[in-house]
Amino acid sequence: QVQLVESGGGLVHPGGSLRLSCEASGSIFSINGIDWYRQTPGKQRELVAGMDSGGSPSYSDSVKGRFTVSRDNAKKTVYLQMNSLRPEDTAVYYCHAVMELVPNAPVHYWGQGTQVTVSS
């Protein structure tokens, strides 16, 4: 069974840091783009950061300079290092990936979400 499993969320004070992990498991032919989204109650899911298959990162303006996305292909894991956290970063963070279980058949997968709370 192919799935994405996130970890690393929690409660942190403003200005603090957290690192989220997203590990892909199962029989996977290839992993294309992997993104991080976040969502707060009553709002649409927001794209925060991503990394394409070539390893090029991208960030939303709201996190640029504070968040860093990285990827370990051998571990099939993507990380989101979040520094200088603000209360407005509080949300459920979701990992999203486009993966191919067989060649040329991309499928979208979502993780279960991990809660990040930034509060004093």
PDB file of N, CA and C in Angstrom:
ATOM      1  N   GLN A   1       0.845  -1.185   0.000  1.00  0.00           N
ATOM      2  CA  GLN A   1       0.000   0.000   0.000  1.00  0.00           C
ATOM      3  C   GLN A   1       0.887   1.244   0.000  1.00  0.00           C
ATOM      4  N   VAL A   2       0.655   2.126  -0.954  1.00  0.00           N
ATOM      5  CA  VAL A   2       1.442   3.350  -1.065  1.00  0.00           C
ATOM      6  C   VAL A   2       0.798   4.429  -0.208  1.00  0.00           C
ATOM      7  N   GLN A   3       1.625   5.101   0.555  1.00  0.00           N
ATOM      8  CA  GLN A   3       1.091   6.187   1.369  1.00  0.00           C
ATOM      9  C   GLN A   3       2.181   7.189   1.701  1.00  0.00           C
ATOM     10  N   LEU A   4       1.719   8.370   2.122  1.00  0.00           N
ATOM     11  CA  LEU A   4       2.603   9.417   2.603  1.00  0.00           C
ATOM     12  C   LEU A   4       2.340   9.574   4.098  1.00  0.00           C
ATOM     13  N   VAL A   5       3.398   9.573   4.873  1.00  0.00           N
ATOM     14  CA  VAL A   5       3.250   9.688   6.320  1.00  0.00           C
ATOM     15  C   VAL A   5       4.036  10.896   6.790  1.00  0.00           C
ATOM     16  N   GLU A   6       3.323  11.822   7.430  1.00  0.00           N
ATOM     17  CA  GLU A   6       3.956  13.033   7.931  1.00  0.00           C
ATOM     18  C   GLU A   6       4.257  12.901   9.412  1.00  0.00           C
ATOM     19  N   SER A   7       5.244  13.652   9.830  1.00  0.00           N
ATOM     20  CA  SER A   7       5.564  13.715  11.252  1.00  0.00           C
ATOM     21  C   SER A   7       6.270  15.030  11.534  1.00  0.00           C
ATOM     22  N   GLY A   8       6.366  15.373  12.813  1.00  0.00           N
ATOM     23  CA  GLY A   8       7.140  16.539  13.209  1.00  0.00           C
ATOM     24  C   GLY A   8       6.338  17.735  13.662  1.00  0.00           C
ATOM     25  N   GLY A   9       5.032  17.674  13.590  1.00  0.00           N
ATOM     26  CA  GLY A   9       4.239  18.808  14.043  1.00  0.00           C
ATOM     27  C   GLY A   9       4.268  18.936  15.553  1.00  0.00           C
ATOM     28  N   GLY A  10       3.673  20.026  16.052  1.00  0.00           N
ATOM     29  CA  GLY A  10       3.623  20.226  17.490  1.00  0.00           C
ATOM     30  C   GLY A  10       3.361  21.662  17.848  1.00  0.00           C
ATOM     31  N   LEU A  11       3.606  21.963  19.114  1.00  0.00           N
ATOM     32  CA  LEU A  11       3.407  23.309  19.646  1.00  0.00           C
ATOM     33  C   LEU A  11       4.762  23.983  19.809  1.00  0.00           C
ATOM     34  N   VAL A  12       4.858  25.212  19.338  1.00  0.00           N
ATOM     35  CA  VAL A  12       6.123  25.945  19.428  1.00  0.00           C
ATOM     36  C   VAL A  12       5.808  27.405  19.709  1.00  0.00           C
ATOM     37  N   HIS A  13       6.725  28.072  20.395  1.00  0.00           N
ATOM     38  CA  HIS A  13       6.569  29.495  20.669  1.00  0.00           C
ATOM     39  C   HIS A  13       6.876  30.311  19.429  1.00  0.00           C
ATOM     40  N   PRO A  14       6.322  31.507  19.323  1.00  0.00           N
ATOM     41  CA  PRO A  14       6.696  32.387  18.206  1.00  0.00           C
ATOM     42  C   PRO A  14       8.204  32.597  18.148  1.00  0.00           C
ATOM     43  N   GLY A  15       8.733  32.535  16.939  1.00  0.00           N
ATOM     44  CA  GLY A  15      10.168  32.636  16.745  1.00  0.00           C
ATOM     45  C   GLY A  15      10.873  31.302  16.764  1.00  0.00           C
ATOM     46  N   GLY A  16      10.180  30.261  17.149  1.00  0.00           N
ATOM     47  CA  GLY A  16      10.777  28.942  17.232  1.00  0.00           C
ATOM     48  C   GLY A  16      10.825  28.227  15.894  1.00  0.00           C
ATOM     49  N   SER A  17      11.269  26.974  15.951  1.00  0.00           N
ATOM     50  CA  SER A  17      11.459  26.186  14.732  1.00  0.00           C
ATOM     51  C   SER A  17      10.847  24.800  14.888  1.00  0.00           C
ATOM     52  N   LEU A  18      10.451  24.242  13.769  1.00  0.00           N
ATOM     53  CA  LEU A  18      10.011  22.854  13.679  1.00  0.00           C
ATOM     54  C   LEU A  18      10.477  22.306  12.349  1.00  0.00           C
ATOM     55  N   ARG A  19      10.655  20.988  12.311  1.00  0.00           N
ATOM     56  CA  ARG A  19      10.948  20.345  11.036  1.00  0.00           C
ATOM     57  C   ARG A  19       9.912  19.256  10.803  1.00  0.00           C
ATOM     58  N   LEU A  20       9.212  19.379   9.695  1.00  0.00           N
ATOM     59  CA  LEU A  20       8.247  18.365   9.288  1.00  0.00           C
ATOM     60  C   LEU A  20       8.906  17.378   8.327  1.00  0.00           C
ATOM     61  N   SER A  21       8.466  16.132   8.410  1.00  0.00           N
ATOM     62  CA  SER A  21       8.944  15.097   7.499  1.00  0.00           C
ATOM     63  C   SER A  21       7.757  14.465   6.794  1.00  0.00           C
ATOM     64  N   CYS A  22       7.988  14.079   5.566  1.00  0.00           N
ATOM     65  CA  CYS A  22       6.972  13.375   4.780  1.00  0.00           C
ATOM     66  C   CYS A  22       7.670  12.204   4.099  1.00  0.00           C
ATOM     67  N   GLU A  23       7.330  11.000   4.520  1.00  0.00           N
ATOM     68  CA  GLU A  23       7.959   9.804   3.971  1.00  0.00           C
ATOM     69  C   GLU A  23       6.977   9.039   3.104  1.00  0.00           C
ATOM     70  N   ALA A  24       7.416   8.700   1.913  1.00  0.00           N
ATOM     71  CA  ALA A  24       6.614   7.879   1.020  1.00  0.00           C
ATOM     72  C   ALA A  24       6.971   6.414   1.239  1.00  0.00           C
ATOM     73  N   SER A  25       5.977   5.577   1.353  1.00  0.00           N
ATOM     74  CA  SER A  25       6.233   4.157   1.557  1.00  0.00           C
ATOM     75  C   SER A  25       5.426   3.334   0.562  1.00  0.00           C
ATOM     76  N   GLY A  26       5.913   2.132   0.302  1.00  0.00           N
ATOM     77  CA  GLY A  26       5.236   1.249  -0.642  1.00  0.00           C
ATOM     78  C   GLY A  26       6.064   1.062  -1.897  1.00  0.00           C
ATOM     79  N   SER A  27       5.502   0.337  -2.832  1.00  0.00           N
ATOM     80  CA  SER A  27       6.180   0.041  -4.088  1.00  0.00           C
ATOM     81  C   SER A  27       5.963   1.208  -5.053  1.00  0.00           C
ATOM     82  N   ILE A  28       6.983   2.026  -5.226  1.00  0.00           N
ATOM     83  CA  ILE A  28       6.885   3.257  -6.003  1.00  0.00           C
ATOM     84  C   ILE A  28       7.912   3.220  -7.123  1.00  0.00           C
ATOM     85  N   PHE A  29       7.455   3.489  -8.334  1.00  0.00           N
ATOM     86  CA  PHE A  29       8.384   3.546  -9.465  1.00  0.00           C
ATOM     87  C   PHE A  29       9.164   4.848  -9.452  1.00  0.00           C
ATOM     88  N   SER A  30       8.439   5.969  -9.267  1.00  0.00           N
ATOM     89  CA  SER A  30       9.124   7.262  -9.213  1.00  0.00           C
ATOM     90  C   SER A  30       8.273   8.253  -8.440  1.00  0.00           C
ATOM     91  N   ILE A  31       8.955   9.230  -7.868  1.00  0.00           N
ATOM     92  CA  ILE A  31       8.284  10.332  -7.168  1.00  0.00           C
ATOM     93  C   ILE A  31       8.580  11.600  -7.936  1.00  0.00           C
ATOM     94  N   ASN A  32       7.583  12.261  -8.391  1.00  0.00           N
ATOM     95  CA  ASN A  32       7.768  13.500  -9.138  1.00  0.00           C
ATOM     96  C   ASN A  32       7.768  14.677  -8.160  1.00  0.00           C
ATOM     97  N   GLY A  33       6.899  15.607  -8.318  1.00  0.00           N
ATOM     98  CA  GLY A  33       6.884  16.747  -7.420  1.00  0.00           C
ATOM     99  C   GLY A  33       6.318  16.405  -6.061  1.00  0.00           C
ATOM    100  N   ILE A  34       6.862  17.017  -5.021  1.00  0.00           N
ATOM    101  CA  ILE A  34       6.322  16.886  -3.669  1.00  0.00           C
ATOM    102  C   ILE A  34       6.113  18.281  -3.110  1.00  0.00           C
ATOM    103  N   ASP A  35       4.944  18.508  -2.538  1.00  0.00           N
ATOM    104  CA  ASP A  35       4.595  19.836  -2.046  1.00  0.00           C
ATOM    105  C   ASP A  35       4.120  19.759  -0.601  1.00  0.00           C
ATOM    106  N   TRP A  36       4.189  20.896   0.045  1.00  0.00           N
ATOM    107  CA  TRP A  36       3.605  21.066   1.372  1.00  0.00           C
ATOM    108  C   TRP A  36       2.483  22.107   1.281  1.00  0.00           C
ATOM    109  N   TYR A  37       1.342  21.743   1.800  1.00  0.00           N
ATOM    110  CA  TYR A  37       0.200  22.636   1.891  1.00  0.00           C
ATOM    111  C   TYR A  37      -0.139  22.827   3.378  1.00  0.00           C
ATOM    112  N   ARG A  38      -0.926  23.862   3.643  1.00  0.00           N
ATOM    113  CA  ARG A  38      -1.449  24.020   4.990  1.00  0.00           C
ATOM    114  C   ARG A  38      -2.888  24.522   4.918  1.00  0.00           C
ATOM    115  N   GLN A  39      -3.620  24.235   5.977  1.00  0.00           N
ATOM    116  CA  GLN A  39      -5.027  24.604   5.999  1.00  0.00           C
ATOM    117  C   GLN A  39      -5.458  24.956   7.409  1.00  0.00           C
ATOM    118  N   THR A  40      -6.231  26.043   7.515  1.00  0.00           N
ATOM    119  CA  THR A  40      -6.844  26.433   8.781  1.00  0.00           C
ATOM    120  C   THR A  40      -8.354  26.336   8.616  1.00  0.00           C
ATOM    121  N   PRO A  41      -9.077  26.217   9.707  1.00  0.00           N
ATOM    122  CA  PRO A  41     -10.534  26.050   9.621  1.00  0.00           C
ATOM    123  C   PRO A  41     -11.197  27.172   8.840  1.00  0.00           C
ATOM    124  N   GLY A  42     -12.052  26.787   7.917  1.00  0.00           N
ATOM    125  CA  GLY A  42     -12.802  27.756   7.141  1.00  0.00           C
ATOM    126  C   GLY A  42     -12.055  28.343   5.965  1.00  0.00           C
ATOM    127  N   LYS A  43     -10.823  27.903   5.749  1.00  0.00           N
ATOM    128  CA  LYS A  43     -10.039  28.447   4.646  1.00  0.00           C
ATOM    129  C   LYS A  43      -9.633  27.337   3.694  1.00  0.00           C
ATOM    130  N   GLN A  44      -9.314  27.740   2.460  1.00  0.00           N
ATOM    131  CA  GLN A  44      -8.847  26.762   1.477  1.00  0.00           C
ATOM    132  C   GLN A  44      -7.423  26.327   1.792  1.00  0.00           C
ATOM    133  N   ARG A  45      -7.113  25.155   1.322  1.00  0.00           N
ATOM    134  CA  ARG A  45      -5.762  24.652   1.493  1.00  0.00           C
ATOM    135  C   ARG A  45      -4.807  25.534   0.698  1.00  0.00           C
ATOM    136  N   GLU A  46      -3.697  25.914   1.328  1.00  0.00           N
ATOM    137  CA  GLU A  46      -2.736  26.852   0.742  1.00  0.00           C
ATOM    138  C   GLU A  46      -1.412  26.157   0.440  1.00  0.00           C
ATOM    139  N   LEU A  47      -0.897  26.350  -0.767  1.00  0.00           N
ATOM    140  CA  LEU A  47       0.409  25.805  -1.123  1.00  0.00           C
ATOM    141  C   LEU A  47       1.492  26.619  -0.435  1.00  0.00           C
ATOM    142  N   VAL A  48       2.354  25.956   0.316  1.00  0.00           N
ATOM    143  CA  VAL A  48       3.385  26.624   1.105  1.00  0.00           C
ATOM    144  C   VAL A  48       4.747  26.511   0.445  1.00  0.00           C
ATOM    145  N   ALA A  49       5.102  25.310   0.062  1.00  0.00           N
ATOM    146  CA  ALA A  49       6.432  25.078  -0.507  1.00  0.00           C
ATOM    147  C   ALA A  49       6.391  23.807  -1.317  1.00  0.00           C
ATOM    148  N   GLY A  50       7.342  23.657  -2.221  1.00  0.00           N
ATOM    149  CA  GLY A  50       7.373  22.459  -3.032  1.00  0.00           C
ATOM    150  C   GLY A  50       8.757  22.213  -3.593  1.00  0.00           C
ATOM    151  N   MET A  51       8.928  21.026  -4.102  1.00  0.00           N
ATOM    152  CA  MET A  51      10.175  20.668  -4.750  1.00  0.00           C
ATOM    153  C   MET A  51       9.847  19.768  -5.934  1.00  0.00           C
ATOM    154  N   ASP A  52      10.340  20.156  -7.113  1.00  0.00           N
ATOM    155  CA  ASP A  52      10.035  19.349  -8.290  1.00  0.00           C
ATOM    156  C   ASP A  52      10.993  18.164  -8.383  1.00  0.00           C
ATOM    157  N   SER A  53      10.803  17.349  -9.397  1.00  0.00           N
ATOM    158  CA  SER A  53      11.593  16.128  -9.526  1.00  0.00           C
ATOM    159  C   SER A  53      13.066  16.422  -9.730  1.00  0.00           C
ATOM    160  N   GLY A  54      13.373  17.628 -10.228  1.00  0.00           N
ATOM    161  CA  GLY A  54      14.765  18.016 -10.417  1.00  0.00           C
ATOM    162  C   GLY A  54      15.417  18.589  -9.181  1.00  0.00           C
ATOM    163  N   GLY A  55      14.645  18.733  -8.129  1.00  0.00           N
ATOM    164  CA  GLY A  55      15.187  19.244  -6.877  1.00  0.00           C
ATOM    165  C   GLY A  55      15.095  20.743  -6.719  1.00  0.00           C
ATOM    166  N   SER A  56      14.375  21.419  -7.600  1.00  0.00           N
ATOM    167  CA  SER A  56      14.238  22.872  -7.491  1.00  0.00           C
ATOM    168  C   SER A  56      13.117  23.212  -6.525  1.00  0.00           C
ATOM    169  N   PRO A  57      13.411  24.015  -5.504  1.00  0.00           N
ATOM    170  CA  PRO A  57      12.378  24.371  -4.529  1.00  0.00           C
ATOM    171  C   PRO A  57      11.594  25.610  -4.946  1.00  0.00           C
ATOM    172  N   SER A  58      10.434  25.740  -4.377  1.00  0.00           N
ATOM    173  CA  SER A  58       9.627  26.941  -4.566  1.00  0.00           C
ATOM    174  C   SER A  58       8.882  27.220  -3.274  1.00  0.00           C
ATOM    175  N   TYR A  59       8.566  28.488  -3.038  1.00  0.00           N
ATOM    176  CA  TYR A  59       7.956  28.895  -1.776  1.00  0.00           C
ATOM    177  C   TYR A  59       6.890  29.951  -2.019  1.00  0.00           C
ATOM    178  N   SER A  60       5.897  29.953  -1.154  1.00  0.00           N
ATOM    179  CA  SER A  60       4.936  31.046  -1.182  1.00  0.00           C
ATOM    180  C   SER A  60       5.591  32.274  -0.560  1.00  0.00           C
ATOM    181  N   ASP A  61       5.070  33.435  -0.901  1.00  0.00           N
ATOM    182  CA  ASP A  61       5.645  34.665  -0.362  1.00  0.00           C
ATOM    183  C   ASP A  61       5.567  34.715   1.156  1.00  0.00           C
ATOM    184  N   SER A  62       4.552  34.091   1.711  1.00  0.00           N
ATOM    185  CA  SER A  62       4.341  34.170   3.158  1.00  0.00           C
ATOM    186  C   SER A  62       5.398  33.414   3.964  1.00  0.00           C
ATOM    187  N   VAL A  63       6.117  32.492   3.323  1.00  0.00           N
ATOM    188  CA  VAL A  63       7.115  31.702   4.064  1.00  0.00           C
ATOM    189  C   VAL A  63       8.522  31.845   3.511  1.00  0.00           C
ATOM    190  N   LYS A  64       8.650  32.541   2.400  1.00  0.00           N
ATOM    191  CA  LYS A  64       9.955  32.670   1.756  1.00  0.00           C
ATOM    192  C   LYS A  64      10.949  33.310   2.725  1.00  0.00           C
ATOM    193  N   GLY A  65      12.119  32.708   2.819  1.00  0.00           N
ATOM    194  CA  GLY A  65      13.145  33.205   3.731  1.00  0.00           C
ATOM    195  C   GLY A  65      13.071  32.602   5.116  1.00  0.00           C
ATOM    196  N   ARG A  66      11.963  31.931   5.434  1.00  0.00           N
ATOM    197  CA  ARG A  66      11.809  31.321   6.754  1.00  0.00           C
ATOM    198  C   ARG A  66      11.718  29.799   6.675  1.00  0.00           C
ATOM    199  N   PHE A  67      11.131  29.302   5.616  1.00  0.00           N
ATOM    200  CA  PHE A  67      10.963  27.847   5.443  1.00  0.00           C
ATOM    201  C   PHE A  67      11.926  27.349   4.376  1.00  0.00           C
ATOM    202  N   THR A  68      12.388  26.120   4.565  1.00  0.00           N
ATOM    203  CA  THR A  68      13.267  25.490   3.584  1.00  0.00           C
ATOM    204  C   THR A  68      12.802  24.059   3.344  1.00  0.00           C
ATOM    205  N   VAL A  69      12.615  23.723   2.087  1.00  0.00           N
ATOM    206  CA  VAL A  69      12.222  22.362   1.728  1.00  0.00           C
ATOM    207  C   VAL A  69      13.451  21.625   1.197  1.00  0.00           C
ATOM    208  N   SER A  70      13.575  20.377   1.597  1.00  0.00           N
ATOM    209  CA  SER A  70      14.685  19.550   1.136  1.00  0.00           C
ATOM    210  C   SER A  70      14.186  18.131   0.915  1.00  0.00           C
ATOM    211  N   ARG A  71      15.000  17.336   0.252  1.00  0.00           N
ATOM    212  CA  ARG A  71      14.530  16.017  -0.175  1.00  0.00           C
ATOM    213  C   ARG A  71      15.675  15.022  -0.040  1.00  0.00           C
ATOM    214  N   ASP A  72      15.375  13.840   0.473  1.00  0.00           N
ATOM    215  CA  ASP A  72      16.322  12.727   0.529  1.00  0.00           C
ATOM    216  C   ASP A  72      15.732  11.610  -0.313  1.00  0.00           C
ATOM    217  N   ASN A  73      16.213  11.491  -1.536  1.00  0.00           N
ATOM    218  CA  ASN A  73      15.637  10.512  -2.463  1.00  0.00           C
ATOM    219  C   ASN A  73      15.828   9.075  -1.972  1.00  0.00           C
ATOM    220  N   ALA A  74      16.962   8.806  -1.351  1.00  0.00           N
ATOM    221  CA  ALA A  74      17.225   7.440  -0.882  1.00  0.00           C
ATOM    222  C   ALA A  74      16.218   7.027   0.188  1.00  0.00           C
ATOM    223  N   LYS A  75      15.797   7.972   0.999  1.00  0.00           N
ATOM    224  CA  LYS A  75      14.821   7.681   2.053  1.00  0.00           C
ATOM    225  C   LYS A  75      13.391   7.962   1.610  1.00  0.00           C
ATOM    226  N   LYS A  76      13.220   8.433   0.390  1.00  0.00           N
ATOM    227  CA  LYS A  76      11.899   8.800  -0.128  1.00  0.00           C
ATOM    228  C   LYS A  76      11.201   9.742   0.844  1.00  0.00           C
ATOM    229  N   THR A  77      11.941  10.714   1.303  1.00  0.00           N
ATOM    230  CA  THR A  77      11.447  11.629   2.335  1.00  0.00           C
ATOM    231  C   THR A  77      11.707  13.074   1.928  1.00  0.00           C
ATOM    232  N   VAL A  78      10.733  13.909   2.206  1.00  0.00           N
ATOM    233  CA  VAL A  78      10.857  15.348   2.008  1.00  0.00           C
ATOM    234  C   VAL A  78      10.695  16.022   3.357  1.00  0.00           C
ATOM    235  N   TYR A  79      11.479  17.053   3.572  1.00  0.00           N
ATOM    236  CA  TYR A  79      11.463  17.767   4.836  1.00  0.00           C
ATOM    237  C   TYR A  79      11.036  19.215   4.618  1.00  0.00           C
ATOM    238  N   LEU A  80      10.419  19.775   5.622  1.00  0.00           N
ATOM    239  CA  LEU A  80      10.100  21.198   5.619  1.00  0.00           C
ATOM    240  C   LEU A  80      10.639  21.778   6.919  1.00  0.00           C
ATOM    241  N   GLN A  81      11.744  22.493   6.802  1.00  0.00           N
ATOM    242  CA  GLN A  81      12.330  23.163   7.959  1.00  0.00           C
ATOM    243  C   GLN A  81      11.658  24.527   8.095  1.00  0.00           C
ATOM    244  N   MET A  82      11.047  24.751   9.236  1.00  0.00           N
ATOM    245  CA  MET A  82      10.293  25.981   9.464  1.00  0.00           C
ATOM    246  C   MET A  82      10.956  26.766  10.594  1.00  0.00           C
ATOM    247  N   ASN A  83      11.478  27.920  10.253  1.00  0.00           N
ATOM    248  CA  ASN A  83      12.144  28.788  11.231  1.00  0.00           C
ATOM    249  C   ASN A  83      11.356  30.079  11.402  1.00  0.00           C
ATOM    250  N   SER A  84      11.673  30.800  12.459  1.00  0.00           N
ATOM    251  CA  SER A  84      11.019  32.087  12.735  1.00  0.00           C
ATOM    252  C   SER A  84       9.504  31.970  12.639  1.00  0.00           C
ATOM    253  N   LEU A  85       8.976  30.968  13.272  1.00  0.00           N
ATOM    254  CA  LEU A  85       7.547  30.698  13.169  1.00  0.00           C
ATOM    255  C   LEU A  85       6.712  31.803  13.800  1.00  0.00           C
ATOM    256  N   ARG A  86       5.569  32.025  13.183  1.00  0.00           N
ATOM    257  CA  ARG A  86       4.650  33.075  13.617  1.00  0.00           C
ATOM    258  C   ARG A  86       3.289  32.454  13.958  1.00  0.00           C
ATOM    259  N   PRO A  87       2.504  33.124  14.768  1.00  0.00           N
ATOM    260  CA  PRO A  87       1.171  32.578  15.071  1.00  0.00           C
ATOM    261  C   PRO A  87       0.346  32.299  13.814  1.00  0.00           C
ATOM    262  N   GLU A  88       0.516  33.103  12.780  1.00  0.00           N
ATOM    263  CA  GLU A  88      -0.247  32.890  11.554  1.00  0.00           C
ATOM    264  C   GLU A  88       0.203  31.665  10.766  1.00  0.00           C
ATOM    265  N   ASP A  89       1.290  31.032  11.180  1.00  0.00           N
ATOM    266  CA  ASP A  89       1.700  29.768  10.565  1.00  0.00           C
ATOM    267  C   ASP A  89       0.933  28.578  11.143  1.00  0.00           C
ATOM    268  N   THR A  90       0.160  28.832  12.184  1.00  0.00           N
ATOM    269  CA  THR A  90      -0.625  27.765  12.787  1.00  0.00           C
ATOM    270  C   THR A  90      -1.605  27.183  11.782  1.00  0.00           C
ATOM    271  N   ALA A  91      -1.540  25.881  11.589  1.00  0.00           N
ATOM    272  CA  ALA A  91      -2.384  25.212  10.602  1.00  0.00           C
ATOM    273  C   ALA A  91      -2.124  23.707  10.663  1.00  0.00           C
ATOM    274  N   VAL A  92      -2.946  22.975   9.935  1.00  0.00           N
ATOM    275  CA  VAL A  92      -2.630  21.576   9.665  1.00  0.00           C
ATOM    276  C   VAL A  92      -1.828  21.554   8.363  1.00  0.00           C
ATOM    277  N   TYR A  93      -0.679  20.919   8.417  1.00  0.00           N
ATOM    278  CA  TYR A  93       0.210  20.861   7.258  1.00  0.00           C
ATOM    279  C   TYR A  93       0.087  19.499   6.591  1.00  0.00           C
ATOM    280  N   TYR A  94      -0.086  19.531   5.277  1.00  0.00           N
ATOM    281  CA  TYR A  94      -0.265  18.320   4.496  1.00  0.00           C
ATOM    282  C   TYR A  94       0.847  18.172   3.461  1.00  0.00           C
ATOM    283  N   CYS A  95       1.283  16.972   3.305  1.00  0.00           N
ATOM    284  CA  CYS A  95       2.229  16.619   2.257  1.00  0.00           C
ATOM    285  C   CYS A  95       1.445  16.099   1.060  1.00  0.00           C
ATOM    286  N   HIS A  96       1.848  16.510  -0.123  1.00  0.00           N
ATOM    287  CA  HIS A  96       1.212  16.065  -1.359  1.00  0.00           C
ATOM    288  C   HIS A  96       2.295  15.644  -2.337  1.00  0.00           C
ATOM    289  N   ALA A  97       2.088  14.539  -3.004  1.00  0.00           N
ATOM    290  CA  ALA A  97       3.086  14.066  -3.963  1.00  0.00           C
ATOM    291  C   ALA A  97       2.414  13.494  -5.196  1.00  0.00           C
ATOM    292  N   VAL A  98       3.092  13.676  -6.299  1.00  0.00           N
ATOM    293  CA  VAL A  98       2.688  13.010  -7.537  1.00  0.00           C
ATOM    294  C   VAL A  98       3.658  11.858  -7.740  1.00  0.00           C
ATOM    295  N   MET A  99       3.138  10.654  -7.710  1.00  0.00           N
ATOM    296  CA  MET A  99       4.002   9.475  -7.795  1.00  0.00           C
ATOM    297  C   MET A  99       3.512   8.550  -8.898  1.00  0.00           C
ATOM    298  N   GLU A 100       4.444   7.796  -9.411  1.00  0.00           N
ATOM    299  CA  GLU A 100       4.118   6.781 -10.406  1.00  0.00           C
ATOM    300  C   GLU A 100       4.406   5.410  -9.806  1.00  0.00           C
ATOM    301  N   LEU A 101       3.387   4.597  -9.742  1.00  0.00           N
ATOM    302  CA  LEU A 101       3.581   3.224  -9.280  1.00  0.00           C
ATOM    303  C   LEU A 101       4.036   2.352 -10.455  1.00  0.00           C
ATOM    304  N   VAL A 102       3.595   2.759 -11.645  1.00  0.00           N
ATOM    305  CA  VAL A 102       4.078   2.161 -12.888  1.00  0.00           C
ATOM    306  C   VAL A 102       4.443   3.324 -13.796  1.00  0.00           C
ATOM    307  N   PRO A 103       5.316   3.131 -14.780  1.00  0.00           N
ATOM    308  CA  PRO A 103       5.751   4.259 -15.623  1.00  0.00           C
ATOM    309  C   PRO A 103       4.601   4.947 -16.343  1.00  0.00           C
ATOM    310  N   ASN A 104       4.713   6.273 -16.387  1.00  0.00           N
ATOM    311  CA  ASN A 104       3.787   7.108 -17.163  1.00  0.00           C
ATOM    312  C   ASN A 104       2.347   7.045 -16.667  1.00  0.00           C
ATOM    313  N   ALA A 105       2.172   6.801 -15.402  1.00  0.00           N
ATOM    314  CA  ALA A 105       0.824   6.784 -14.801  1.00  0.00           C
ATOM    315  C   ALA A 105       0.862   7.535 -13.471  1.00  0.00           C
ATOM    316  N   PRO A 106       0.980   8.870 -13.540  1.00  0.00           N
ATOM    317  CA  PRO A 106       1.082   9.637 -12.289  1.00  0.00           C
ATOM    318  C   PRO A 106      -0.215   9.650 -11.500  1.00  0.00           C
ATOM    319  N   VAL A 107      -0.080   9.582 -10.194  1.00  0.00           N
ATOM    320  CA  VAL A 107      -1.224   9.590  -9.280  1.00  0.00           C
ATOM    321  C   VAL A 107      -0.920  10.562  -8.148  1.00  0.00           C
ATOM    322  N   HIS A 108      -1.936  11.302  -7.717  1.00  0.00           N
ATOM    323  CA  HIS A 108      -1.768  12.230  -6.613  1.00  0.00           C
ATOM    324  C   HIS A 108      -2.027  11.529  -5.282  1.00  0.00           C
ATOM    325  N   TYR A 109      -1.157  11.808  -4.319  1.00  0.00           N
ATOM    326  CA  TYR A 109      -1.322  11.263  -2.970  1.00  0.00           C
ATOM    327  C   TYR A 109      -1.232  12.393  -1.952  1.00  0.00           C
ATOM    328  N   TRP A 110      -1.980  12.222  -0.860  1.00  0.00           N
ATOM    329  CA  TRP A 110      -1.947  13.176   0.247  1.00  0.00           C
ATOM    330  C   TRP A 110      -1.610  12.447   1.543  1.00  0.00           C
ATOM    331  N   GLY A 111      -0.863  13.144   2.382  1.00  0.00           N
ATOM    332  CA  GLY A 111      -0.642  12.636   3.722  1.00  0.00           C
ATOM    333  C   GLY A 111      -1.833  12.925   4.616  1.00  0.00           C
ATOM    334  N   GLN A 112      -1.752  12.451   5.840  1.00  0.00           N
ATOM    335  CA  GLN A 112      -2.877  12.564   6.759  1.00  0.00           C
ATOM    336  C   GLN A 112      -2.930  13.928   7.448  1.00  0.00           C
ATOM    337  N   GLY A 113      -1.863  14.693   7.341  1.00  0.00           N
ATOM    338  CA  GLY A 113      -1.809  16.001   7.973  1.00  0.00           C
ATOM    339  C   GLY A 113      -1.172  15.958   9.348  1.00  0.00           C
ATOM    340  N   THR A 114      -0.479  17.035   9.680  1.00  0.00           N
ATOM    341  CA  THR A 114       0.124  17.161  11.003  1.00  0.00           C
ATOM    342  C   THR A 114      -0.109  18.594  11.513  1.00  0.00           C
ATOM    343  N   GLN A 115      -0.513  18.702  12.756  1.00  0.00           N
ATOM    344  CA  GLN A 115      -0.870  19.997  13.312  1.00  0.00           C
ATOM    345  C   GLN A 115       0.372  20.755  13.757  1.00  0.00           C
ATOM    346  N   VAL A 116       0.451  22.013  13.333  1.00  0.00           N
ATOM    347  CA  VAL A 116       1.491  22.932  13.806  1.00  0.00           C
ATOM    348  C   VAL A 116       0.780  24.086  14.497  1.00  0.00           C
ATOM    349  N   THR A 117       1.139  24.316  15.749  1.00  0.00           N
ATOM    350  CA  THR A 117       0.546  25.408  16.521  1.00  0.00           C
ATOM    351  C   THR A 117       1.660  26.312  17.026  1.00  0.00           C
ATOM    352  N   VAL A 118       1.551  27.592  16.682  1.00  0.00           N
ATOM    353  CA  VAL A 118       2.537  28.574  17.111  1.00  0.00           C
ATOM    354  C   VAL A 118       1.840  29.519  18.088  1.00  0.00           C
ATOM    355  N   SER A 119       2.227  29.430  19.341  1.00  0.00           N
ATOM    356  CA  SER A 119       1.533  30.205  20.373  1.00  0.00           C
ATOM    357  C   SER A 119       2.441  30.397  21.570  1.00  0.00           C
ATOM    358  N   SER A 120       2.270  31.537  22.213  1.00  0.00           N
ATOM    359  CA  SER A 120       3.023  31.782  23.440  1.00  0.00           C
ATOM    360  C   SER A 120       2.232  31.301  24.654  1.00  0.00           C
TER     361      SER A 120
END
